[in-house]
Amino acid sequence: SDGSIRLHQMTSEYPLMQWNDSTKGQPVIALQWALTRPAVFFALDASSNIYIWDLLENDLLPVAKQTIPSEKVSAMTLLGEPEKANGLLGMVLAKESGEIDIQYVKKKWALP
């Protein structure tokens, strides 16, 4: 609820990494690892900002931020085929109006 993100190992109650105020205080609505690139995850905040984290590129800050200005996004999930090396990774965004938007992620964040 405060915008912090924690990375945990299953065998410990303490986080391996913690990013406080990662969304400038906005609650995190959804967070998901990329299906095709294990070091990348995406976070959606309550202000419809999507943060892209690539831990191999920068483990302190997100490498990109995209705002969805048209309408509030209420849910996010990723789709892709991890067993294929084509680097196709899609993002499904559900908006408050019920509209579904599907966008493809840039190859640099999707390729294994």
PDB file of N, CA and C in Angstrom:
ATOM      1  N   SER A   1       0.801  -1.209   0.000  1.00  0.00           N
ATOM      2  CA  SER A   1       0.000   0.000   0.000  1.00  0.00           C
ATOM      3  C   SER A   1       0.846   1.276   0.000  1.00  0.00           C
ATOM      4  N   ASP A   2       2.125   1.172   0.360  1.00  0.00           N
ATOM      5  CA  ASP A   2       2.983   2.364   0.430  1.00  0.00           C
ATOM      6  C   ASP A   2       3.924   2.496  -0.766  1.00  0.00           C
ATOM      7  N   GLY A   3       3.824   1.597  -1.727  1.00  0.00           N
ATOM      8  CA  GLY A   3       4.667   1.663  -2.915  1.00  0.00           C
ATOM      9  C   GLY A   3       5.980   0.919  -2.791  1.00  0.00           C
ATOM     10  N   SER A   4       6.197   0.232  -1.694  1.00  0.00           N
ATOM     11  CA  SER A   4       7.448  -0.517  -1.557  1.00  0.00           C
ATOM     12  C   SER A   4       7.289  -1.900  -2.197  1.00  0.00           C
ATOM     13  N   ILE A   5       8.409  -2.398  -2.706  1.00  0.00           N
ATOM     14  CA  ILE A   5       8.453  -3.720  -3.330  1.00  0.00           C
ATOM     15  C   ILE A   5       9.563  -4.497  -2.645  1.00  0.00           C
ATOM     16  N   ARG A   6       9.272  -5.755  -2.327  1.00  0.00           N
ATOM     17  CA  ARG A   6      10.263  -6.612  -1.671  1.00  0.00           C
ATOM     18  C   ARG A   6      10.451  -7.897  -2.474  1.00  0.00           C
ATOM     19  N   LEU A   7      11.703  -8.308  -2.590  1.00  0.00           N
ATOM     20  CA  LEU A   7      12.048  -9.556  -3.273  1.00  0.00           C
ATOM     21  C   LEU A   7      12.455 -10.558  -2.205  1.00  0.00           C
ATOM     22  N   HIS A   8      11.698 -11.657  -2.126  1.00  0.00           N
ATOM     23  CA  HIS A   8      11.945 -12.663  -1.105  1.00  0.00           C
ATOM     24  C   HIS A   8      12.453 -13.968  -1.715  1.00  0.00           C
ATOM     25  N   GLN A   9      13.226 -14.682  -0.919  1.00  0.00           N
ATOM     26  CA  GLN A   9      13.591 -16.058  -1.210  1.00  0.00           C
ATOM     27  C   GLN A   9      12.626 -16.923  -0.413  1.00  0.00           C
ATOM     28  N   MET A  10      12.203 -18.018  -0.992  1.00  0.00           N
ATOM     29  CA  MET A  10      11.173 -18.842  -0.345  1.00  0.00           C
ATOM     30  C   MET A  10      11.603 -19.375   1.028  1.00  0.00           C
ATOM     31  N   THR A  11      12.891 -19.474   1.279  1.00  0.00           N
ATOM     32  CA  THR A  11      13.363 -20.068   2.526  1.00  0.00           C
ATOM     33  C   THR A  11      13.605 -19.059   3.644  1.00  0.00           C
ATOM     34  N   SER A  12      13.292 -17.788   3.400  1.00  0.00           N
ATOM     35  CA  SER A  12      13.565 -16.774   4.418  1.00  0.00           C
ATOM     36  C   SER A  12      12.402 -15.792   4.520  1.00  0.00           C
ATOM     37  N   GLU A  13      12.143 -15.356   5.740  1.00  0.00           N
ATOM     38  CA  GLU A  13      11.093 -14.358   5.924  1.00  0.00           C
ATOM     39  C   GLU A  13      11.587 -12.943   5.640  1.00  0.00           C
ATOM     40  N   TYR A  14      12.903 -12.772   5.534  1.00  0.00           N
ATOM     41  CA  TYR A  14      13.492 -11.462   5.284  1.00  0.00           C
ATOM     42  C   TYR A  14      13.751 -11.275   3.793  1.00  0.00           C
ATOM     43  N   PRO A  15      13.503 -10.089   3.266  1.00  0.00           N
ATOM     44  CA  PRO A  15      13.689  -9.871   1.825  1.00  0.00           C
ATOM     45  C   PRO A  15      15.165  -9.858   1.426  1.00  0.00           C
ATOM     46  N   LEU A  16      15.439 -10.343   0.209  1.00  0.00           N
ATOM     47  CA  LEU A  16      16.780 -10.241  -0.372  1.00  0.00           C
ATOM     48  C   LEU A  16      17.058  -8.798  -0.783  1.00  0.00           C
ATOM     49  N   MET A  17      16.025  -8.157  -1.333  1.00  0.00           N
ATOM     50  CA  MET A  17      16.101  -6.758  -1.759  1.00  0.00           C
ATOM     51  C   MET A  17      14.805  -6.080  -1.351  1.00  0.00           C
ATOM     52  N   GLN A  18      14.881  -4.791  -1.129  1.00  0.00           N
ATOM     53  CA  GLN A  18      13.681  -4.013  -0.829  1.00  0.00           C
ATOM     54  C   GLN A  18      13.838  -2.643  -1.459  1.00  0.00           C
ATOM     55  N   TRP A  19      12.821  -2.229  -2.186  1.00  0.00           N
ATOM     56  CA  TRP A  19      12.804  -0.914  -2.811  1.00  0.00           C
ATOM     57  C   TRP A  19      11.676  -0.108  -2.168  1.00  0.00           C
ATOM     58  N   ASN A  20      12.038   0.827  -1.311  1.00  0.00           N
ATOM     59  CA  ASN A  20      11.042   1.673  -0.648  1.00  0.00           C
ATOM     60  C   ASN A  20      10.628   2.794  -1.589  1.00  0.00           C
ATOM     61  N   ASP A  21       9.377   3.171  -1.523  1.00  0.00           N
ATOM     62  CA  ASP A  21       8.873   4.291  -2.309  1.00  0.00           C
ATOM     63  C   ASP A  21       9.132   4.112  -3.804  1.00  0.00           C
ATOM     64  N   SER A  22       9.054   2.871  -4.272  1.00  0.00           N
ATOM     65  CA  SER A  22       9.354   2.579  -5.674  1.00  0.00           C
ATOM     66  C   SER A  22       8.342   3.183  -6.637  1.00  0.00           C
ATOM     67  N   THR A  23       7.166   3.522  -6.145  1.00  0.00           N
ATOM     68  CA  THR A  23       6.121   4.115  -6.982  1.00  0.00           C
ATOM     69  C   THR A  23       5.749   5.506  -6.468  1.00  0.00           C
ATOM     70  N   LYS A  24       6.665   6.146  -5.799  1.00  0.00           N
ATOM     71  CA  LYS A  24       6.452   7.479  -5.220  1.00  0.00           C
ATOM     72  C   LYS A  24       5.240   7.505  -4.286  1.00  0.00           C
ATOM     73  N   GLY A  25       5.077   6.422  -3.530  1.00  0.00           N
ATOM     74  CA  GLY A  25       4.025   6.345  -2.526  1.00  0.00           C
ATOM     75  C   GLY A  25       2.694   5.792  -3.003  1.00  0.00           C
ATOM     76  N   GLN A  26       2.533   5.573  -4.295  1.00  0.00           N
ATOM     77  CA  GLN A  26       1.279   5.018  -4.817  1.00  0.00           C
ATOM     78  C   GLN A  26       1.204   3.522  -4.514  1.00  0.00           C
ATOM     79  N   PRO A  27       0.037   3.016  -4.121  1.00  0.00           N
ATOM     80  CA  PRO A  27      -0.094   1.574  -3.883  1.00  0.00           C
ATOM     81  C   PRO A  27       0.207   0.757  -5.148  1.00  0.00           C
ATOM     82  N   VAL A  28       0.845  -0.378  -4.959  1.00  0.00           N
ATOM     83  CA  VAL A  28       1.106  -1.302  -6.060  1.00  0.00           C
ATOM     84  C   VAL A  28      -0.147  -2.149  -6.254  1.00  0.00           C
ATOM     85  N   ILE A  29      -0.710  -2.111  -7.468  1.00  0.00           N
ATOM     86  CA  ILE A  29      -1.935  -2.848  -7.793  1.00  0.00           C
ATOM     87  C   ILE A  29      -1.606  -4.252  -8.289  1.00  0.00           C
ATOM     88  N   ALA A  30      -0.550  -4.366  -9.107  1.00  0.00           N
ATOM     89  CA  ALA A  30      -0.167  -5.660  -9.665  1.00  0.00           C
ATOM     90  C   ALA A  30       1.333  -5.688  -9.873  1.00  0.00           C
ATOM     91  N   LEU A  31       1.902  -6.877  -9.766  1.00  0.00           N
ATOM     92  CA  LEU A  31       3.327  -7.073 -10.007  1.00  0.00           C
ATOM     93  C   LEU A  31       3.495  -8.462 -10.595  1.00  0.00           C
ATOM     94  N   GLN A  32       4.255  -8.562 -11.679  1.00  0.00           N
ATOM     95  CA  GLN A  32       4.439  -9.873 -12.299  1.00  0.00           C
ATOM     96  C   GLN A  32       5.806  -9.954 -12.975  1.00  0.00           C
ATOM     97  N   TRP A  33       6.444 -11.109 -12.818  1.00  0.00           N
ATOM     98  CA  TRP A  33       7.699 -11.391 -13.507  1.00  0.00           C
ATOM     99  C   TRP A  33       7.422 -11.608 -14.983  1.00  0.00           C
ATOM    100  N   ALA A  34       8.357 -11.195 -15.826  1.00  0.00           N
ATOM    101  CA  ALA A  34       8.265 -11.471 -17.259  1.00  0.00           C
ATOM    102  C   ALA A  34       8.344 -12.981 -17.453  1.00  0.00           C
ATOM    103  N   LEU A  35       7.519 -13.500 -18.327  1.00  0.00           N
ATOM    104  CA  LEU A  35       7.487 -14.941 -18.565  1.00  0.00           C
ATOM    105  C   LEU A  35       8.669 -15.409 -19.398  1.00  0.00           C
ATOM    106  N   THR A  36       9.272 -14.501 -20.156  1.00  0.00           N
ATOM    107  CA  THR A  36      10.322 -14.881 -21.092  1.00  0.00           C
ATOM    108  C   THR A  36      11.714 -14.409 -20.665  1.00  0.00           C
ATOM    109  N   ARG A  37      11.803 -13.570 -19.656  1.00  0.00           N
ATOM    110  CA  ARG A  37      13.105 -13.045 -19.209  1.00  0.00           C
ATOM    111  C   ARG A  37      13.090 -12.968 -17.685  1.00  0.00           C
ATOM    112  N   PRO A  38      13.752 -13.873 -17.006  1.00  0.00           N
ATOM    113  CA  PRO A  38      13.637 -13.997 -15.548  1.00  0.00           C
ATOM    114  C   PRO A  38      14.083 -12.794 -14.721  1.00  0.00           C
ATOM    115  N   ALA A  39      14.913 -11.924 -15.243  1.00  0.00           N
ATOM    116  CA  ALA A  39      15.401 -10.794 -14.449  1.00  0.00           C
ATOM    117  C   ALA A  39      14.507  -9.560 -14.559  1.00  0.00           C
ATOM    118  N   VAL A  40      13.406  -9.663 -15.290  1.00  0.00           N
ATOM    119  CA  VAL A  40      12.535  -8.505 -15.540  1.00  0.00           C
ATOM    120  C   VAL A  40      11.186  -8.708 -14.856  1.00  0.00           C
ATOM    121  N   PHE A  41      10.709  -7.658 -14.188  1.00  0.00           N
ATOM    122  CA  PHE A  41       9.344  -7.687 -13.679  1.00  0.00           C
ATOM    123  C   PHE A  41       8.675  -6.341 -13.919  1.00  0.00           C
ATOM    124  N   PHE A  42       7.364  -6.353 -13.881  1.00  0.00           N
ATOM    125  CA  PHE A  42       6.529  -5.186 -14.166  1.00  0.00           C
ATOM    126  C   PHE A  42       5.653  -4.911 -12.953  1.00  0.00           C
ATOM    127  N   ALA A  43       5.517  -3.637 -12.608  1.00  0.00           N
ATOM    128  CA  ALA A  43       4.654  -3.241 -11.499  1.00  0.00           C
ATOM    129  C   ALA A  43       3.680  -2.170 -11.985  1.00  0.00           C
ATOM    130  N   LEU A  44       2.432  -2.310 -11.601  1.00  0.00           N
ATOM    131  CA  LEU A  44       1.380  -1.339 -11.911  1.00  0.00           C
ATOM    132  C   LEU A  44       0.983  -0.656 -10.618  1.00  0.00           C
ATOM    133  N   ASP A  45       0.954   0.692 -10.620  1.00  0.00           N
ATOM    134  CA  ASP A  45       0.524   1.398  -9.414  1.00  0.00           C
ATOM    135  C   ASP A  45      -0.889   1.946  -9.571  1.00  0.00           C
ATOM    136  N   ALA A  46      -1.421   2.502  -8.506  1.00  0.00           N
ATOM    137  CA  ALA A  46      -2.802   2.987  -8.480  1.00  0.00           C
ATOM    138  C   ALA A  46      -3.043   4.185  -9.375  1.00  0.00           C
ATOM    139  N   SER A  47      -1.991   4.833  -9.862  1.00  0.00           N
ATOM    140  CA  SER A  47      -2.130   5.972 -10.777  1.00  0.00           C
ATOM    141  C   SER A  47      -1.951   5.574 -12.236  1.00  0.00           C
ATOM    142  N   SER A  48      -2.051   4.281 -12.512  1.00  0.00           N
ATOM    143  CA  SER A  48      -1.924   3.740 -13.875  1.00  0.00           C
ATOM    144  C   SER A  48      -0.537   3.942 -14.482  1.00  0.00           C
ATOM    145  N   ASN A  49       0.482   3.876 -13.641  1.00  0.00           N
ATOM    146  CA  ASN A  49       1.868   3.893 -14.108  1.00  0.00           C
ATOM    147  C   ASN A  49       2.387   2.464 -14.110  1.00  0.00           C
ATOM    148  N   ILE A  50       3.076   2.100 -15.169  1.00  0.00           N
ATOM    149  CA  ILE A  50       3.700   0.791 -15.246  1.00  0.00           C
ATOM    150  C   ILE A  50       5.207   0.999 -15.143  1.00  0.00           C
ATOM    151  N   TYR A  51       5.817   0.315 -14.194  1.00  0.00           N
ATOM    152  CA  TYR A  51       7.255   0.385 -13.973  1.00  0.00           C
ATOM    153  C   TYR A  51       7.876  -0.909 -14.468  1.00  0.00           C
ATOM    154  N   ILE A  52       8.948  -0.776 -15.244  1.00  0.00           N
ATOM    155  CA  ILE A  52       9.653  -1.941 -15.759  1.00  0.00           C
ATOM    156  C   ILE A  52      10.996  -2.016 -15.038  1.00  0.00           C
ATOM    157  N   TRP A  53      11.223  -3.137 -14.392  1.00  0.00           N
ATOM    158  CA  TRP A  53      12.461  -3.385 -13.667  1.00  0.00           C
ATOM    159  C   TRP A  53      13.244  -4.462 -14.401  1.00  0.00           C
ATOM    160  N   ASP A  54      14.497  -4.186 -14.728  1.00  0.00           N
ATOM    161  CA  ASP A  54      15.414  -5.180 -15.288  1.00  0.00           C
ATOM    162  C   ASP A  54      16.590  -5.253 -14.323  1.00  0.00           C
ATOM    163  N   LEU A  55      16.607  -6.272 -13.491  1.00  0.00           N
ATOM    164  CA  LEU A  55      17.602  -6.360 -12.426  1.00  0.00           C
ATOM    165  C   LEU A  55      19.023  -6.570 -12.949  1.00  0.00           C
ATOM    166  N   LEU A  56      19.159  -7.031 -14.199  1.00  0.00           N
ATOM    167  CA  LEU A  56      20.494  -7.172 -14.785  1.00  0.00           C
ATOM    168  C   LEU A  56      21.035  -5.823 -15.251  1.00  0.00           C
ATOM    169  N   GLU A  57      20.129  -4.908 -15.567  1.00  0.00           N
ATOM    170  CA  GLU A  57      20.545  -3.575 -16.021  1.00  0.00           C
ATOM    171  C   GLU A  57      20.706  -2.601 -14.854  1.00  0.00           C
ATOM    172  N   ASN A  58      19.749  -2.629 -13.918  1.00  0.00           N
ATOM    173  CA  ASN A  58      19.786  -1.723 -12.776  1.00  0.00           C
ATOM    174  C   ASN A  58      18.973  -2.350 -11.650  1.00  0.00           C
ATOM    175  N   ASP A  59      19.608  -2.629 -10.529  1.00  0.00           N
ATOM    176  CA  ASP A  59      18.866  -3.235  -9.426  1.00  0.00           C
ATOM    177  C   ASP A  59      18.459  -2.223  -8.350  1.00  0.00           C
ATOM    178  N   LEU A  60      18.633  -0.936  -8.650  1.00  0.00           N
ATOM    179  CA  LEU A  60      18.237   0.108  -7.703  1.00  0.00           C
ATOM    180  C   LEU A  60      16.957   0.832  -8.090  1.00  0.00           C
ATOM    181  N   LEU A  61      16.737   0.979  -9.402  1.00  0.00           N
ATOM    182  CA  LEU A  61      15.597   1.753  -9.907  1.00  0.00           C
ATOM    183  C   LEU A  61      14.976   1.053 -11.108  1.00  0.00           C
ATOM    184  N   PRO A  62      13.723   1.370 -11.421  1.00  0.00           N
ATOM    185  CA  PRO A  62      13.142   0.833 -12.659  1.00  0.00           C
ATOM    186  C   PRO A  62      13.897   1.381 -13.870  1.00  0.00           C
ATOM    187  N   VAL A  63      13.954   0.590 -14.934  1.00  0.00           N
ATOM    188  CA  VAL A  63      14.639   1.031 -16.155  1.00  0.00           C
ATOM    189  C   VAL A  63      13.708   1.833 -17.054  1.00  0.00           C
ATOM    190  N   ALA A  64      12.404   1.734 -16.822  1.00  0.00           N
ATOM    191  CA  ALA A  64      11.441   2.497 -17.617  1.00  0.00           C
ATOM    192  C   ALA A  64      10.146   2.657 -16.832  1.00  0.00           C
ATOM    193  N   LYS A  65       9.404   3.701 -17.215  1.00  0.00           N
ATOM    194  CA  LYS A  65       8.086   3.955 -16.624  1.00  0.00           C
ATOM    195  C   LYS A  65       7.174   4.398 -17.757  1.00  0.00           C
ATOM    196  N   GLN A  66       5.994   3.828 -17.798  1.00  0.00           N
ATOM    197  CA  GLN A  66       5.013   4.192 -18.812  1.00  0.00           C
ATOM    198  C   GLN A  66       3.704   4.532 -18.114  1.00  0.00           C
ATOM    199  N   THR A  67       3.173   5.709 -18.395  1.00  0.00           N
ATOM    200  CA  THR A  67       1.884   6.111 -17.843  1.00  0.00           C
ATOM    201  C   THR A  67       0.800   5.834 -18.866  1.00  0.00           C
ATOM    202  N   ILE A  68      -0.289   5.265 -18.414  1.00  0.00           N
ATOM    203  CA  ILE A  68      -1.460   5.037 -19.267  1.00  0.00           C
ATOM    204  C   ILE A  68      -2.418   6.191 -18.979  1.00  0.00           C
ATOM    205  N   PRO A  69      -2.422   7.229 -19.837  1.00  0.00           N
ATOM    206  CA  PRO A  69      -3.133   8.464 -19.511  1.00  0.00           C
ATOM    207  C   PRO A  69      -4.642   8.440 -19.764  1.00  0.00           C
ATOM    208  N   SER A  70      -5.091   7.602 -20.668  1.00  0.00           N
ATOM    209  CA  SER A  70      -6.475   7.713 -21.127  1.00  0.00           C
ATOM    210  C   SER A  70      -7.508   7.324 -20.068  1.00  0.00           C
ATOM    211  N   GLU A  71      -7.206   6.306 -19.301  1.00  0.00           N
ATOM    212  CA  GLU A  71      -8.192   5.810 -18.346  1.00  0.00           C
ATOM    213  C   GLU A  71      -7.492   4.995 -17.269  1.00  0.00           C
ATOM    214  N   LYS A  72      -8.074   4.916 -16.093  1.00  0.00           N
ATOM    215  CA  LYS A  72      -7.453   4.194 -14.990  1.00  0.00           C
ATOM    216  C   LYS A  72      -7.391   2.694 -15.282  1.00  0.00           C
ATOM    217  N   VAL A  73      -6.204   2.126 -15.076  1.00  0.00           N
ATOM    218  CA  VAL A  73      -5.986   0.693 -15.259  1.00  0.00           C
ATOM    219  C   VAL A  73      -6.187   0.017 -13.911  1.00  0.00           C
ATOM    220  N   SER A  74      -7.028  -1.014 -13.878  1.00  0.00           N
ATOM    221  CA  SER A  74      -7.345  -1.668 -12.615  1.00  0.00           C
ATOM    222  C   SER A  74      -6.665  -3.018 -12.445  1.00  0.00           C
ATOM    223  N   ALA A  75      -6.146  -3.593 -13.534  1.00  0.00           N
ATOM    224  CA  ALA A  75      -5.468  -4.892 -13.433  1.00  0.00           C
ATOM    225  C   ALA A  75      -4.486  -5.049 -14.582  1.00  0.00           C
ATOM    226  N   MET A  76      -3.458  -5.874 -14.355  1.00  0.00           N
ATOM    227  CA  MET A  76      -2.439  -6.130 -15.364  1.00  0.00           C
ATOM    228  C   MET A  76      -2.000  -7.578 -15.253  1.00  0.00           C
ATOM    229  N   THR A  77      -1.774  -8.199 -16.396  1.00  0.00           N
ATOM    230  CA  THR A  77      -1.150  -9.519 -16.417  1.00  0.00           C
ATOM    231  C   THR A  77      -0.299  -9.618 -17.676  1.00  0.00           C
ATOM    232  N   LEU A  78       0.619 -10.557 -17.680  1.00  0.00           N
ATOM    233  CA  LEU A  78       1.498 -10.746 -18.826  1.00  0.00           C
ATOM    234  C   LEU A  78       1.164 -12.052 -19.508  1.00  0.00           C
ATOM    235  N   LEU A  79       1.417 -12.078 -20.815  1.00  0.00           N
ATOM    236  CA  LEU A  79       1.230 -13.322 -21.555  1.00  0.00           C
ATOM    237  C   LEU A  79       2.422 -13.531 -22.471  1.00  0.00           C
ATOM    238  N   GLY A  80       2.775 -14.769 -22.648  1.00  0.00           N
ATOM    239  CA  GLY A  80       3.912 -15.121 -23.487  1.00  0.00           C
ATOM    240  C   GLY A  80       4.154 -16.614 -23.412  1.00  0.00           C
ATOM    241  N   GLU A  81       5.120 -17.070 -24.173  1.00  0.00           N
ATOM    242  CA  GLU A  81       5.454 -18.491 -24.200  1.00  0.00           C
ATOM    243  C   GLU A  81       6.911 -18.658 -23.789  1.00  0.00           C
ATOM    244  N   PRO A  82       7.158 -18.946 -22.512  1.00  0.00           N
ATOM    245  CA  PRO A  82       8.527 -19.020 -22.026  1.00  0.00           C
ATOM    246  C   PRO A  82       9.367 -20.099 -22.711  1.00  0.00           C
ATOM    247  N   GLU A  83       8.714 -21.132 -23.240  1.00  0.00           N
ATOM    248  CA  GLU A  83       9.460 -22.209 -23.888  1.00  0.00           C
ATOM    249  C   GLU A  83       9.947 -21.838 -25.286  1.00  0.00           C
ATOM    250  N   LYS A  84       9.465 -20.729 -25.829  1.00  0.00           N
ATOM    251  CA  LYS A  84       9.900 -20.253 -27.139  1.00  0.00           C
ATOM    252  C   LYS A  84      10.858 -19.081 -26.961  1.00  0.00           C
ATOM    253  N   ALA A  85      11.897 -19.052 -27.789  1.00  0.00           N
ATOM    254  CA  ALA A  85      12.917 -18.006 -27.674  1.00  0.00           C
ATOM    255  C   ALA A  85      12.647 -16.829 -28.606  1.00  0.00           C
ATOM    256  N   ASN A  86      11.380 -16.650 -29.037  1.00  0.00           N
ATOM    257  CA  ASN A  86      11.072 -15.566 -29.975  1.00  0.00           C
ATOM    258  C   ASN A  86      10.961 -14.199 -29.300  1.00  0.00           C
ATOM    259  N   GLY A  87      10.906 -14.175 -27.989  1.00  0.00           N
ATOM    260  CA  GLY A  87      10.876 -12.909 -27.269  1.00  0.00           C
ATOM    261  C   GLY A  87       9.550 -12.186 -27.310  1.00  0.00           C
ATOM    262  N   LEU A  88       8.485 -12.868 -27.666  1.00  0.00           N
ATOM    263  CA  LEU A  88       7.169 -12.223 -27.657  1.00  0.00           C
ATOM    264  C   LEU A  88       6.611 -12.220 -26.244  1.00  0.00           C
ATOM    265  N   LEU A  89       6.344 -11.039 -25.754  1.00  0.00           N
ATOM    266  CA  LEU A  89       5.783 -10.876 -24.426  1.00  0.00           C
ATOM    267  C   LEU A  89       4.710  -9.805 -24.515  1.00  0.00           C
ATOM    268  N   GLY A  90       3.506 -10.145 -24.113  1.00  0.00           N
ATOM    269  CA  GLY A  90       2.397  -9.207 -24.167  1.00  0.00           C
ATOM    270  C   GLY A  90       1.954  -8.804 -22.771  1.00  0.00           C
ATOM    271  N   MET A  91       1.362  -7.637 -22.705  1.00  0.00           N
ATOM    272  CA  MET A  91       0.834  -7.114 -21.459  1.00  0.00           C
ATOM    273  C   MET A  91      -0.657  -6.855 -21.659  1.00  0.00           C
ATOM    274  N   VAL A  92      -1.464  -7.423 -20.795  1.00  0.00           N
ATOM    275  CA  VAL A  92      -2.907  -7.229 -20.854  1.00  0.00           C
ATOM    276  C   VAL A  92      -3.294  -6.277 -19.736  1.00  0.00           C
ATOM    277  N   LEU A  93      -3.938  -5.175 -20.121  1.00  0.00           N
ATOM    278  CA  LEU A  93      -4.360  -4.159 -19.160  1.00  0.00           C
ATOM    279  C   LEU A  93      -5.878  -4.094 -19.136  1.00  0.00           C
ATOM    280  N   ALA A  94      -6.462  -4.196 -17.957  1.00  0.00           N
ATOM    281  CA  ALA A  94      -7.908  -4.053 -17.800  1.00  0.00           C
ATOM    282  C   ALA A  94      -8.185  -2.663 -17.258  1.00  0.00           C
ATOM    283  N   LYS A  95      -9.043  -1.935 -17.954  1.00  0.00           N
ATOM    284  CA  LYS A  95      -9.373  -0.571 -17.543  1.00  0.00           C
ATOM    285  C   LYS A  95     -10.686  -0.565 -16.774  1.00  0.00           C
ATOM    286  N   GLU A  96     -10.917   0.470 -16.002  1.00  0.00           N
ATOM    287  CA  GLU A  96     -12.116   0.538 -15.163  1.00  0.00           C
ATOM    288  C   GLU A  96     -13.406   0.479 -15.964  1.00  0.00           C
ATOM    289  N   SER A  97     -13.374   0.922 -17.224  1.00  0.00           N
ATOM    290  CA  SER A  97     -14.570   0.895 -18.063  1.00  0.00           C
ATOM    291  C   SER A  97     -14.914  -0.515 -18.536  1.00  0.00           C
ATOM    292  N   GLY A  98     -14.000  -1.464 -18.312  1.00  0.00           N
ATOM    293  CA  GLY A  98     -14.192  -2.823 -18.798  1.00  0.00           C
ATOM    294  C   GLY A  98     -13.419  -3.095 -20.080  1.00  0.00           C
ATOM    295  N   GLU A  99     -12.813  -2.064 -20.649  1.00  0.00           N
ATOM    296  CA  GLU A  99     -12.025  -2.219 -21.863  1.00  0.00           C
ATOM    297  C   GLU A  99     -10.731  -2.972 -21.543  1.00  0.00           C
ATOM    298  N   ILE A 100     -10.339  -3.858 -22.458  1.00  0.00           N
ATOM    299  CA  ILE A 100      -9.096  -4.620 -22.337  1.00  0.00           C
ATOM    300  C   ILE A 100      -8.136  -4.118 -23.401  1.00  0.00           C
ATOM    301  N   ASP A 101      -6.908  -3.842 -23.009  1.00  0.00           N
ATOM    302  CA  ASP A 101      -5.887  -3.355 -23.925  1.00  0.00           C
ATOM    303  C   ASP A 101      -4.727  -4.339 -23.886  1.00  0.00           C
ATOM    304  N   ILE A 102      -4.261  -4.791 -25.059  1.00  0.00           N
ATOM    305  CA  ILE A 102      -3.120  -5.696 -25.139  1.00  0.00           C
ATOM    306  C   ILE A 102      -1.995  -4.965 -25.851  1.00  0.00           C
ATOM    307  N   GLN A 103      -0.835  -4.924 -25.210  1.00  0.00           N
ATOM    308  CA  GLN A 103       0.329  -4.276 -25.793  1.00  0.00           C
ATOM    309  C   GLN A 103       1.499  -5.244 -25.751  1.00  0.00           C
ATOM    310  N   TYR A 104       2.384  -5.129 -26.746  1.00  0.00           N
ATOM    311  CA  TYR A 104       3.586  -5.955 -26.751  1.00  0.00           C
ATOM    312  C   TYR A 104       4.730  -5.192 -26.104  1.00  0.00           C
ATOM    313  N   VAL A 105       5.559  -5.919 -25.386  1.00  0.00           N
ATOM    314  CA  VAL A 105       6.706  -5.363 -24.683  1.00  0.00           C
ATOM    315  C   VAL A 105       7.896  -5.337 -25.643  1.00  0.00           C
ATOM    316  N   LYS A 106       8.729  -4.301 -25.524  1.00  0.00           N
ATOM    317  CA  LYS A 106       9.929  -4.212 -26.347  1.00  0.00           C
ATOM    318  C   LYS A 106      10.792  -5.466 -26.186  1.00  0.00           C
ATOM    319  N   LYS A 107      11.423  -5.869 -27.276  1.00  0.00           N
ATOM    320  CA  LYS A 107      12.242  -7.086 -27.281  1.00  0.00           C
ATOM    321  C   LYS A 107      13.340  -7.055 -26.226  1.00  0.00           C
ATOM    322  N   LYS A 108      13.912  -5.875 -25.948  1.00  0.00           N
ATOM    323  CA  LYS A 108      15.021  -5.828 -24.999  1.00  0.00           C
ATOM    324  C   LYS A 108      14.602  -6.244 -23.593  1.00  0.00           C
ATOM    325  N   TRP A 109      13.308  -6.172 -23.275  1.00  0.00           N
ATOM    326  CA  TRP A 109      12.824  -6.615 -21.972  1.00  0.00           C
ATOM    327  C   TRP A 109      12.128  -7.968 -22.051  1.00  0.00           C
ATOM    328  N   ALA A 110      12.067  -8.547 -23.244  1.00  0.00           N
ATOM    329  CA  ALA A 110      11.352  -9.798 -23.418  1.00  0.00           C
ATOM    330  C   ALA A 110      12.243 -10.969 -23.840  1.00  0.00           C
ATOM    331  N   LEU A 111      13.335 -10.688 -24.538  1.00  0.00           N
ATOM    332  CA  LEU A 111      14.194 -11.775 -25.013  1.00  0.00           C
ATOM    333  C   LEU A 111      14.899 -12.467 -23.855  1.00  0.00           C
ATOM    334  N   PRO A 112      14.967 -13.798 -23.907  1.00  0.00           N
ATOM    335  CA  PRO A 112      15.658 -14.554 -22.819  1.00  0.00           C
ATOM    336  C   PRO A 112      17.137 -14.211 -22.749  1.00  0.00           C
TER     337      PRO A 112
END
